[in-house]
C-alpha cells in the first residue's frame, strides 16, 4: 500500500508532527482531507500500536472529546453489560478488528487487545469513531452511535492550519 505525499503532508499538519506507520487513508472529511488512517500494528521504532484506525482530524477529535466529557463512555459501558444484542455486536466488531490487524502482522504485546476498550467497555470514543468511519456503518455499533450524536460536526468549520487541536485529547499518537 502507498499513501500520497499530499495526504501524508495533510496528516502531518493535522497532528503537528510527522505521521508514523500509515498504510492507507481510510476516511476523509467532506473537505477531502484525511480524517482516519490505517496504521501498522508495530511502528518503525518497534513500538506496538493497537490503534489500527487512527483519527487524525483535530476538529473531529475535539468534538469527540466533548462527547467523552459528557459521560457517554460510562453509559455505553453500562449498556454493554445490560444489552446482550449490543454486547454481541460489539464483540463481533472486536473479533473482526483483531483479525484485520493480525493480517497486517503479529505483535505479541498487543495480541487479543483492541483499542478503545473493546469488547467489554468503552475507553476511547476516538478509536470507536475511527473504526466506524474506516469500515462504514454496521460494523462498530458504539462508534456508529457516537458518529450519529456528532451530527454534521464539519459544518461551520473550515479546514486549515489556523485551528489548534485540543490539549485534552487522550488518543495515543501513531
N, C-alpha and C. Protein backbone atom coordinates (compact mmCIF):
# COMPACT_ATOMS: atom_id res chain seq x y z
N UNK A 1 0.84 -1.18 0.00
CA UNK A 1 0.00 0.00 0.00
C UNK A 1 0.89 1.25 0.00
N UNK A 2 0.46 2.24 -0.72
CA UNK A 2 1.16 3.52 -0.70
C UNK A 2 0.17 4.63 -0.40
N UNK A 3 0.67 5.65 0.24
CA UNK A 3 -0.13 6.82 0.57
C UNK A 3 0.51 8.01 -0.13
N UNK A 4 -0.31 8.82 -0.79
CA UNK A 4 0.20 10.00 -1.49
C UNK A 4 0.89 10.95 -0.52
N UNK A 5 1.95 11.57 -0.99
CA UNK A 5 2.69 12.52 -0.16
C UNK A 5 1.80 13.68 0.29
N UNK A 6 0.87 14.11 -0.57
CA UNK A 6 -0.03 15.20 -0.18
C UNK A 6 -0.88 14.80 1.03
N UNK A 7 -1.31 13.54 1.07
CA UNK A 7 -2.08 13.06 2.23
C UNK A 7 -1.20 12.97 3.47
N UNK A 8 0.03 12.48 3.30
CA UNK A 8 0.95 12.43 4.44
C UNK A 8 1.23 13.83 4.97
N UNK A 9 1.38 14.80 4.07
CA UNK A 9 1.59 16.19 4.49
C UNK A 9 0.38 16.73 5.23
N UNK A 10 -0.82 16.41 4.74
CA UNK A 10 -2.04 16.87 5.41
C UNK A 10 -2.15 16.27 6.81
N UNK A 11 -1.84 14.98 6.94
CA UNK A 11 -1.89 14.33 8.25
C UNK A 11 -0.84 14.93 9.18
N UNK A 12 0.34 15.20 8.66
CA UNK A 12 1.39 15.83 9.47
C UNK A 12 0.91 17.19 9.98
N UNK A 13 0.25 17.95 9.14
CA UNK A 13 -0.29 19.24 9.57
C UNK A 13 -1.37 19.06 10.64
N UNK A 14 -2.22 18.07 10.44
CA UNK A 14 -3.27 17.80 11.43
C UNK A 14 -2.68 17.42 12.79
N UNK A 15 -1.66 16.57 12.76
CA UNK A 15 -1.08 16.05 14.01
C UNK A 15 -0.04 17.00 14.62
N UNK A 16 0.51 17.88 13.79
CA UNK A 16 1.56 18.77 14.26
C UNK A 16 2.92 18.09 14.35
N UNK A 17 3.08 16.97 13.64
CA UNK A 17 4.33 16.21 13.62
C UNK A 17 4.25 15.20 12.50
N UNK A 18 5.38 14.61 12.12
CA UNK A 18 5.33 13.61 11.05
C UNK A 18 4.52 12.38 11.49
N UNK A 19 3.67 11.87 10.62
CA UNK A 19 2.92 10.66 10.97
C UNK A 19 3.82 9.43 10.90
N UNK A 20 3.42 8.38 11.61
CA UNK A 20 4.20 7.13 11.62
C UNK A 20 3.30 5.95 11.29
N UNK A 21 3.84 5.03 10.54
CA UNK A 21 3.18 3.75 10.32
C UNK A 21 1.91 3.79 9.49
N UNK A 22 1.70 4.82 8.69
CA UNK A 22 0.46 4.92 7.93
C UNK A 22 0.51 4.00 6.71
N UNK A 23 -0.54 3.19 6.60
CA UNK A 23 -0.68 2.27 5.47
C UNK A 23 -1.67 2.79 4.43
N UNK A 24 -2.73 3.47 4.88
CA UNK A 24 -3.78 3.90 3.96
C UNK A 24 -4.61 5.01 4.60
N UNK A 25 -5.23 5.80 3.76
CA UNK A 25 -6.24 6.75 4.20
C UNK A 25 -7.56 6.00 4.15
N UNK A 26 -8.25 5.91 5.28
CA UNK A 26 -9.46 5.11 5.37
C UNK A 26 -10.74 5.93 5.30
N UNK A 27 -10.64 7.22 5.61
CA UNK A 27 -11.81 8.08 5.58
C UNK A 27 -11.36 9.51 5.38
N UNK A 28 -12.22 10.28 4.75
CA UNK A 28 -11.95 11.70 4.52
C UNK A 28 -13.13 12.52 4.99
N UNK A 29 -12.84 13.72 5.46
CA UNK A 29 -13.90 14.64 5.84
C UNK A 29 -14.54 15.20 4.56
N UNK A 30 -15.65 15.87 4.67
CA UNK A 30 -16.30 16.42 3.47
C UNK A 30 -15.40 17.36 2.66
N UNK A 31 -14.39 17.96 3.27
CA UNK A 31 -13.48 18.83 2.53
C UNK A 31 -12.47 18.05 1.70
N UNK A 32 -12.40 16.75 1.92
CA UNK A 32 -11.47 15.89 1.19
C UNK A 32 -10.20 15.57 1.95
N UNK A 33 -9.99 16.19 3.10
CA UNK A 33 -8.80 15.90 3.89
C UNK A 33 -8.94 14.55 4.60
N UNK A 34 -7.82 13.86 4.83
CA UNK A 34 -7.88 12.61 5.59
C UNK A 34 -8.45 12.88 6.99
N UNK A 35 -9.25 11.94 7.48
CA UNK A 35 -9.65 12.05 8.89
C UNK A 35 -9.44 10.74 9.65
N UNK A 36 -9.18 9.63 8.95
CA UNK A 36 -8.83 8.37 9.61
C UNK A 36 -7.79 7.68 8.73
N UNK A 37 -6.71 7.23 9.37
CA UNK A 37 -5.68 6.47 8.68
C UNK A 37 -5.60 5.06 9.25
N UNK A 38 -5.13 4.15 8.44
CA UNK A 38 -4.86 2.78 8.88
C UNK A 38 -3.37 2.71 9.18
N UNK A 39 -3.02 2.18 10.36
CA UNK A 39 -1.63 2.15 10.78
C UNK A 39 -1.12 0.72 10.97
N UNK A 40 0.18 0.61 10.89
CA UNK A 40 0.87 -0.65 11.17
C UNK A 40 0.65 -1.04 12.63
N UNK A 41 0.58 -2.34 12.94
CA UNK A 41 0.45 -2.75 14.33
C UNK A 41 1.75 -2.59 15.13
N UNK A 42 2.86 -2.43 14.42
CA UNK A 42 4.13 -2.14 15.08
C UNK A 42 4.77 -0.99 14.30
N UNK A 43 5.07 0.10 15.01
CA UNK A 43 5.66 1.26 14.37
C UNK A 43 7.13 1.01 14.03
N UNK A 44 7.69 1.87 13.20
CA UNK A 44 9.08 1.69 12.74
C UNK A 44 10.09 1.62 13.88
N UNK A 45 9.79 2.29 14.99
CA UNK A 45 10.73 2.26 16.12
C UNK A 45 10.54 1.04 17.02
N UNK A 46 9.63 0.13 16.62
CA UNK A 46 9.39 -1.09 17.38
C UNK A 46 8.23 -1.02 18.35
N UNK A 47 7.63 0.15 18.51
CA UNK A 47 6.52 0.32 19.44
C UNK A 47 5.28 -0.42 18.95
N UNK A 48 4.69 -1.28 19.80
CA UNK A 48 3.42 -1.91 19.44
C UNK A 48 2.34 -0.82 19.39
N UNK A 49 1.46 -0.88 18.39
CA UNK A 49 0.44 0.14 18.24
C UNK A 49 -0.91 -0.51 17.94
N UNK A 50 -1.77 -0.65 18.95
CA UNK A 50 -3.03 -1.36 18.75
C UNK A 50 -4.09 -0.58 17.98
N UNK A 51 -3.93 0.73 17.83
CA UNK A 51 -4.95 1.55 17.19
C UNK A 51 -4.78 1.50 15.67
N UNK A 52 -5.43 0.52 15.06
CA UNK A 52 -5.29 0.31 13.63
C UNK A 52 -5.92 1.45 12.82
N UNK A 53 -7.05 1.97 13.29
CA UNK A 53 -7.73 3.06 12.60
C UNK A 53 -7.61 4.30 13.48
N UNK A 54 -6.70 5.17 13.09
CA UNK A 54 -6.34 6.31 13.91
C UNK A 54 -6.97 7.58 13.36
N UNK A 55 -7.69 8.28 14.21
CA UNK A 55 -8.37 9.51 13.84
C UNK A 55 -7.35 10.66 13.80
N UNK A 56 -7.31 11.40 12.70
CA UNK A 56 -6.32 12.46 12.54
C UNK A 56 -6.90 13.87 12.54
N UNK A 57 -8.18 14.01 12.27
CA UNK A 57 -8.78 15.33 12.15
C UNK A 57 -8.91 16.00 13.52
N UNK A 58 -8.23 17.12 13.74
CA UNK A 58 -8.29 17.76 15.05
C UNK A 58 -9.68 18.30 15.39
N UNK A 59 -10.43 18.76 14.42
CA UNK A 59 -11.79 19.25 14.71
C UNK A 59 -12.68 18.11 15.18
N UNK A 60 -12.62 17.00 14.46
CA UNK A 60 -13.41 15.84 14.85
C UNK A 60 -12.97 15.32 16.21
N UNK A 61 -11.66 15.27 16.45
CA UNK A 61 -11.15 14.83 17.76
C UNK A 61 -11.69 15.71 18.88
N UNK A 62 -11.76 17.01 18.64
CA UNK A 62 -12.29 17.92 19.65
C UNK A 62 -13.76 17.66 19.93
N UNK A 63 -14.52 17.43 18.88
CA UNK A 63 -15.95 17.14 19.06
C UNK A 63 -16.15 15.83 19.82
N UNK A 64 -15.34 14.84 19.51
CA UNK A 64 -15.43 13.55 20.21
C UNK A 64 -15.04 13.73 21.68
N UNK A 65 -14.04 14.56 21.93
CA UNK A 65 -13.64 14.85 23.32
C UNK A 65 -14.80 15.42 24.12
N UNK A 66 -15.61 16.25 23.49
CA UNK A 66 -16.79 16.80 24.16
C UNK A 66 -17.77 15.68 24.51
N UNK A 67 -17.96 14.74 23.60
CA UNK A 67 -18.83 13.59 23.90
C UNK A 67 -18.26 12.78 25.06
N UNK A 68 -16.95 12.56 25.04
CA UNK A 68 -16.34 11.79 26.14
C UNK A 68 -16.57 12.48 27.48
N UNK A 69 -16.43 13.79 27.50
CA UNK A 69 -16.60 14.54 28.75
C UNK A 69 -18.04 14.50 29.26
N UNK A 70 -18.98 14.15 28.40
CA UNK A 70 -20.40 14.13 28.79
C UNK A 70 -20.77 12.92 29.64
N UNK A 71 -19.88 11.94 29.76
CA UNK A 71 -20.20 10.71 30.48
C UNK A 71 -20.72 9.61 29.57
N UNK A 72 -20.69 9.84 28.26
CA UNK A 72 -21.21 8.87 27.31
C UNK A 72 -20.50 7.53 27.38
N UNK A 73 -19.20 7.54 27.61
CA UNK A 73 -18.46 6.26 27.66
C UNK A 73 -18.95 5.39 28.81
N UNK A 74 -19.21 5.98 29.95
CA UNK A 74 -19.74 5.22 31.09
C UNK A 74 -21.11 4.65 30.76
N UNK A 75 -21.95 5.47 30.14
CA UNK A 75 -23.29 5.00 29.77
C UNK A 75 -23.21 3.84 28.77
N UNK A 76 -22.34 3.96 27.80
CA UNK A 76 -22.18 2.89 26.81
C UNK A 76 -21.67 1.61 27.45
N UNK A 77 -20.72 1.74 28.36
CA UNK A 77 -20.18 0.56 29.05
C UNK A 77 -21.28 -0.13 29.85
N UNK A 78 -22.14 0.63 30.52
CA UNK A 78 -23.26 0.06 31.26
C UNK A 78 -24.21 -0.67 30.31
N UNK A 79 -24.43 -0.10 29.15
CA UNK A 79 -25.33 -0.73 28.17
C UNK A 79 -24.75 -2.04 27.64
N UNK A 80 -23.44 -2.12 27.48
CA UNK A 80 -22.82 -3.38 27.03
C UNK A 80 -23.16 -4.49 28.01
N UNK A 81 -23.10 -4.19 29.29
CA UNK A 81 -23.40 -5.19 30.32
C UNK A 81 -24.88 -5.54 30.39
N UNK A 82 -25.75 -4.61 30.01
CA UNK A 82 -27.19 -4.81 30.16
C UNK A 82 -27.90 -5.25 28.89
N UNK A 83 -27.30 -5.07 27.73
CA UNK A 83 -27.97 -5.36 26.45
C UNK A 83 -27.20 -6.43 25.68
N UNK A 84 -27.67 -7.68 25.76
CA UNK A 84 -26.95 -8.78 25.11
C UNK A 84 -26.73 -8.59 23.60
N UNK A 85 -27.70 -8.04 22.89
CA UNK A 85 -27.52 -7.85 21.45
C UNK A 85 -26.42 -6.83 21.16
N UNK A 86 -26.39 -5.76 21.94
CA UNK A 86 -25.33 -4.76 21.79
C UNK A 86 -23.98 -5.39 22.12
N UNK A 87 -23.92 -6.15 23.21
CA UNK A 87 -22.67 -6.80 23.60
C UNK A 87 -22.17 -7.74 22.51
N UNK A 88 -23.08 -8.48 21.89
CA UNK A 88 -22.69 -9.42 20.83
C UNK A 88 -22.17 -8.67 19.60
N UNK A 89 -22.82 -7.58 19.23
CA UNK A 89 -22.37 -6.80 18.07
C UNK A 89 -21.02 -6.14 18.35
N UNK A 90 -20.81 -5.68 19.57
CA UNK A 90 -19.55 -5.05 19.95
C UNK A 90 -18.43 -6.10 19.99
N UNK A 91 -18.74 -7.28 20.47
CA UNK A 91 -17.78 -8.40 20.47
C UNK A 91 -17.40 -8.76 19.03
N UNK A 92 -18.38 -8.78 18.14
CA UNK A 92 -18.11 -9.09 16.73
C UNK A 92 -17.17 -8.04 16.13
N UNK A 93 -17.39 -6.77 16.45
CA UNK A 93 -16.51 -5.70 15.97
C UNK A 93 -15.09 -5.94 16.48
N UNK A 94 -14.96 -6.33 17.73
CA UNK A 94 -13.67 -6.63 18.36
C UNK A 94 -12.95 -7.75 17.60
N UNK A 95 -13.66 -8.86 17.37
CA UNK A 95 -13.07 -10.02 16.71
C UNK A 95 -12.63 -9.67 15.29
N UNK A 96 -13.46 -8.93 14.55
CA UNK A 96 -13.10 -8.55 13.18
C UNK A 96 -11.92 -7.59 13.16
N UNK A 97 -11.88 -6.68 14.11
CA UNK A 97 -10.76 -5.73 14.23
C UNK A 97 -9.45 -6.50 14.45
N UNK A 98 -9.49 -7.45 15.39
CA UNK A 98 -8.29 -8.25 15.68
C UNK A 98 -7.83 -9.03 14.46
N UNK A 99 -8.76 -9.63 13.74
CA UNK A 99 -8.40 -10.42 12.56
C UNK A 99 -7.76 -9.54 11.48
N UNK A 100 -8.32 -8.36 11.26
CA UNK A 100 -7.76 -7.47 10.25
C UNK A 100 -6.37 -6.98 10.66
N UNK A 101 -6.20 -6.65 11.94
CA UNK A 101 -4.88 -6.20 12.38
C UNK A 101 -3.86 -7.33 12.33
N UNK A 102 -4.27 -8.51 12.72
CA UNK A 102 -3.37 -9.67 12.69
C UNK A 102 -2.91 -9.96 11.26
N UNK A 103 -3.76 -9.72 10.28
CA UNK A 103 -3.39 -9.92 8.88
C UNK A 103 -2.26 -8.98 8.46
N UNK A 104 -2.11 -7.88 9.17
CA UNK A 104 -1.02 -6.93 8.89
C UNK A 104 0.30 -7.38 9.50
N UNK A 105 0.22 -8.18 10.54
CA UNK A 105 1.42 -8.67 11.22
C UNK A 105 1.13 -9.01 12.66
N UNK A 106 1.76 -10.05 13.15
CA UNK A 106 1.56 -10.48 14.54
C UNK A 106 2.46 -9.66 15.47
N UNK A 107 1.84 -9.08 16.49
CA UNK A 107 2.58 -8.32 17.51
C UNK A 107 2.16 -8.90 18.86
N UNK A 108 3.01 -9.74 19.46
CA UNK A 108 2.63 -10.44 20.69
C UNK A 108 2.17 -9.52 21.82
N UNK A 109 2.78 -8.35 21.93
CA UNK A 109 2.46 -7.45 23.04
C UNK A 109 1.02 -6.96 23.01
N UNK A 110 0.39 -6.97 21.84
CA UNK A 110 -0.99 -6.48 21.73
C UNK A 110 -1.95 -7.58 21.27
N UNK A 111 -1.48 -8.82 21.29
CA UNK A 111 -2.30 -9.94 20.87
C UNK A 111 -3.59 -9.98 21.70
N UNK A 112 -4.71 -9.99 21.02
CA UNK A 112 -6.01 -10.06 21.70
C UNK A 112 -6.52 -8.73 22.22
N UNK A 113 -5.76 -7.68 22.06
CA UNK A 113 -6.15 -6.36 22.59
C UNK A 113 -6.54 -5.45 21.43
N UNK A 114 -7.76 -4.97 21.48
CA UNK A 114 -8.16 -3.94 20.53
C UNK A 114 -8.08 -2.60 21.23
N UNK A 115 -8.19 -1.58 20.48
CA UNK A 115 -8.16 -0.24 21.05
C UNK A 115 -9.58 0.17 21.43
N UNK A 116 -9.70 1.14 22.28
CA UNK A 116 -11.00 1.69 22.62
C UNK A 116 -11.75 0.96 23.71
N UNK A 117 -11.18 -0.13 24.24
CA UNK A 117 -11.84 -0.86 25.33
C UNK A 117 -12.63 -2.07 24.87
N UNK A 118 -12.71 -2.29 23.56
CA UNK A 118 -13.49 -3.44 23.08
C UNK A 118 -12.95 -4.72 23.70
N UNK A 119 -13.72 -5.70 24.01
CA UNK A 119 -15.16 -5.80 23.78
C UNK A 119 -16.02 -5.58 25.02
N UNK A 120 -15.42 -5.26 26.16
CA UNK A 120 -16.21 -5.23 27.40
C UNK A 120 -16.50 -3.83 27.95
N UNK A 121 -15.84 -2.82 27.39
CA UNK A 121 -16.07 -1.46 27.90
C UNK A 121 -15.79 -0.45 26.80
N UNK A 122 -16.07 0.80 27.10
CA UNK A 122 -15.75 1.89 26.18
C UNK A 122 -14.74 2.77 26.88
N UNK A 123 -13.54 2.79 26.33
CA UNK A 123 -12.42 3.51 26.92
C UNK A 123 -12.05 4.74 26.11
N UNK A 124 -12.32 4.72 24.79
CA UNK A 124 -11.93 5.82 23.92
C UNK A 124 -12.87 5.92 22.73
N UNK A 125 -13.69 6.96 22.71
CA UNK A 125 -14.60 7.15 21.59
C UNK A 125 -13.87 7.51 20.31
N UNK A 126 -12.69 8.12 20.42
CA UNK A 126 -11.92 8.46 19.23
C UNK A 126 -11.65 7.20 18.39
N UNK A 127 -11.28 6.14 19.06
CA UNK A 127 -10.96 4.89 18.38
C UNK A 127 -12.23 4.27 17.78
N UNK A 128 -13.32 4.30 18.52
CA UNK A 128 -14.55 3.69 18.03
C UNK A 128 -15.11 4.45 16.84
N UNK A 129 -15.05 5.77 16.89
CA UNK A 129 -15.49 6.58 15.75
C UNK A 129 -14.56 6.35 14.56
N UNK A 130 -13.26 6.29 14.81
CA UNK A 130 -12.31 6.00 13.74
C UNK A 130 -12.61 4.66 13.08
N UNK A 131 -12.94 3.67 13.88
CA UNK A 131 -13.30 2.34 13.37
C UNK A 131 -14.54 2.44 12.49
N UNK A 132 -15.55 3.15 12.97
CA UNK A 132 -16.79 3.29 12.19
C UNK A 132 -16.57 4.04 10.89
N UNK A 133 -15.78 5.11 10.93
CA UNK A 133 -15.51 5.86 9.71
C UNK A 133 -14.70 5.02 8.72
N UNK A 134 -13.77 4.23 9.22
CA UNK A 134 -12.92 3.42 8.35
C UNK A 134 -13.69 2.27 7.71
N UNK A 135 -14.56 1.63 8.46
CA UNK A 135 -15.23 0.42 7.98
C UNK A 135 -16.66 0.66 7.50
N UNK A 136 -17.23 1.80 7.83
CA UNK A 136 -18.60 2.09 7.42
C UNK A 136 -19.61 1.66 8.47
N UNK A 137 -20.85 2.09 8.29
CA UNK A 137 -21.89 1.78 9.28
C UNK A 137 -22.16 0.28 9.39
N UNK A 138 -22.56 -0.12 10.59
CA UNK A 138 -22.95 -1.50 10.83
C UNK A 138 -21.85 -2.40 11.34
N UNK A 139 -20.62 -1.89 11.46
CA UNK A 139 -19.51 -2.72 11.93
C UNK A 139 -19.29 -2.53 13.43
N UNK A 140 -19.19 -1.29 13.89
CA UNK A 140 -18.98 -1.00 15.30
C UNK A 140 -20.19 -0.21 15.81
N UNK A 141 -21.08 -0.87 16.54
CA UNK A 141 -22.34 -0.21 16.91
C UNK A 141 -22.15 1.04 17.78
N UNK A 142 -21.17 1.02 18.66
CA UNK A 142 -20.99 2.17 19.53
C UNK A 142 -20.26 3.31 18.82
N UNK A 143 -19.38 2.98 17.90
CA UNK A 143 -18.77 4.01 17.06
C UNK A 143 -19.84 4.66 16.19
N UNK A 144 -20.75 3.84 15.66
CA UNK A 144 -21.86 4.37 14.85
C UNK A 144 -22.74 5.31 15.68
N UNK A 145 -23.04 4.91 16.91
CA UNK A 145 -23.86 5.76 17.78
C UNK A 145 -23.18 7.10 18.06
N UNK A 146 -21.90 7.05 18.35
CA UNK A 146 -21.17 8.29 18.63
C UNK A 146 -21.16 9.19 17.39
N UNK A 147 -20.95 8.61 16.22
CA UNK A 147 -20.99 9.40 14.98
C UNK A 147 -22.35 10.07 14.79
N UNK A 148 -23.39 9.32 15.08
CA UNK A 148 -24.74 9.88 14.95
C UNK A 148 -24.93 11.05 15.91
N UNK A 149 -24.43 10.92 17.12
CA UNK A 149 -24.54 12.00 18.10
C UNK A 149 -23.75 13.24 17.69
N UNK A 150 -22.67 13.03 16.96
CA UNK A 150 -21.85 14.16 16.50
C UNK A 150 -22.56 14.99 15.44
N UNK A 151 -23.48 14.37 14.71
CA UNK A 151 -24.18 15.09 13.66
C UNK A 151 -23.22 15.58 12.60
N UNK A 152 -23.51 16.73 12.02
CA UNK A 152 -22.68 17.31 10.96
C UNK A 152 -21.59 18.16 11.60
N UNK A 153 -20.62 17.48 12.23
CA UNK A 153 -19.58 18.14 13.01
C UNK A 153 -18.73 19.09 12.17
N UNK A 154 -18.66 18.88 10.86
CA UNK A 154 -17.81 19.67 9.99
C UNK A 154 -18.46 21.00 9.58
N UNK A 155 -19.78 21.13 9.73
CA UNK A 155 -20.46 22.34 9.29
C UNK A 155 -20.02 23.55 10.10
N UNK A 156 -19.86 24.66 9.42
CA UNK A 156 -19.46 25.90 10.08
C UNK A 156 -17.97 25.98 10.37
N UNK A 157 -17.23 24.99 9.92
CA UNK A 157 -15.79 24.97 10.15
C UNK A 157 -15.06 24.95 8.81
N UNK A 158 -13.94 25.61 8.76
CA UNK A 158 -13.10 25.49 7.57
C UNK A 158 -11.81 24.81 7.98
N UNK A 159 -11.34 23.94 7.14
CA UNK A 159 -10.08 23.26 7.44
C UNK A 159 -8.93 24.23 7.24
N UNK A 160 -7.91 24.07 8.03
CA UNK A 160 -6.74 24.92 7.86
C UNK A 160 -5.81 24.82 9.04
N UNK A 161 -4.62 25.31 8.84
CA UNK A 161 -3.59 25.22 9.87
C UNK A 161 -3.85 26.18 11.03
N UNK A 162 -4.82 27.09 10.87
CA UNK A 162 -5.06 28.06 11.93
C UNK A 162 -5.79 27.46 13.13
N UNK A 163 -6.36 26.27 12.98
CA UNK A 163 -7.09 25.66 14.08
C UNK A 163 -6.13 24.83 14.92
N UNK A 164 -6.16 25.00 16.23
CA UNK A 164 -5.25 24.29 17.13
C UNK A 164 -6.02 23.16 17.79
N UNK A 165 -5.50 21.93 17.74
CA UNK A 165 -6.21 20.81 18.36
C UNK A 165 -6.30 20.97 19.86
N UNK A 166 -7.36 20.39 20.48
CA UNK A 166 -7.49 20.47 21.93
C UNK A 166 -6.35 19.73 22.63
N UNK A 167 -6.00 20.17 23.82
CA UNK A 167 -4.91 19.54 24.56
C UNK A 167 -5.37 18.36 25.40
N UNK A 168 -6.67 18.16 25.53
CA UNK A 168 -7.16 17.08 26.40
C UNK A 168 -7.47 15.81 25.62
N UNK A 169 -7.04 15.70 24.37
CA UNK A 169 -7.26 14.50 23.56
C UNK A 169 -6.43 13.36 24.13
N UNK A 170 -7.12 12.28 24.52
CA UNK A 170 -6.42 11.15 25.15
C UNK A 170 -6.01 10.08 24.14
N UNK A 171 -6.26 10.30 22.89
CA UNK A 171 -5.93 9.31 21.87
C UNK A 171 -4.41 9.15 21.76
N UNK A 172 -3.90 7.90 21.75
CA UNK A 172 -2.46 7.70 21.59
C UNK A 172 -2.02 8.13 20.19
N UNK A 173 -0.83 8.58 20.07
CA UNK A 173 -0.33 9.12 18.80
C UNK A 173 0.41 8.07 17.98
N UNK A 174 0.02 7.93 16.66
CA UNK A 174 0.80 6.98 15.85
C UNK A 174 2.13 7.59 15.47
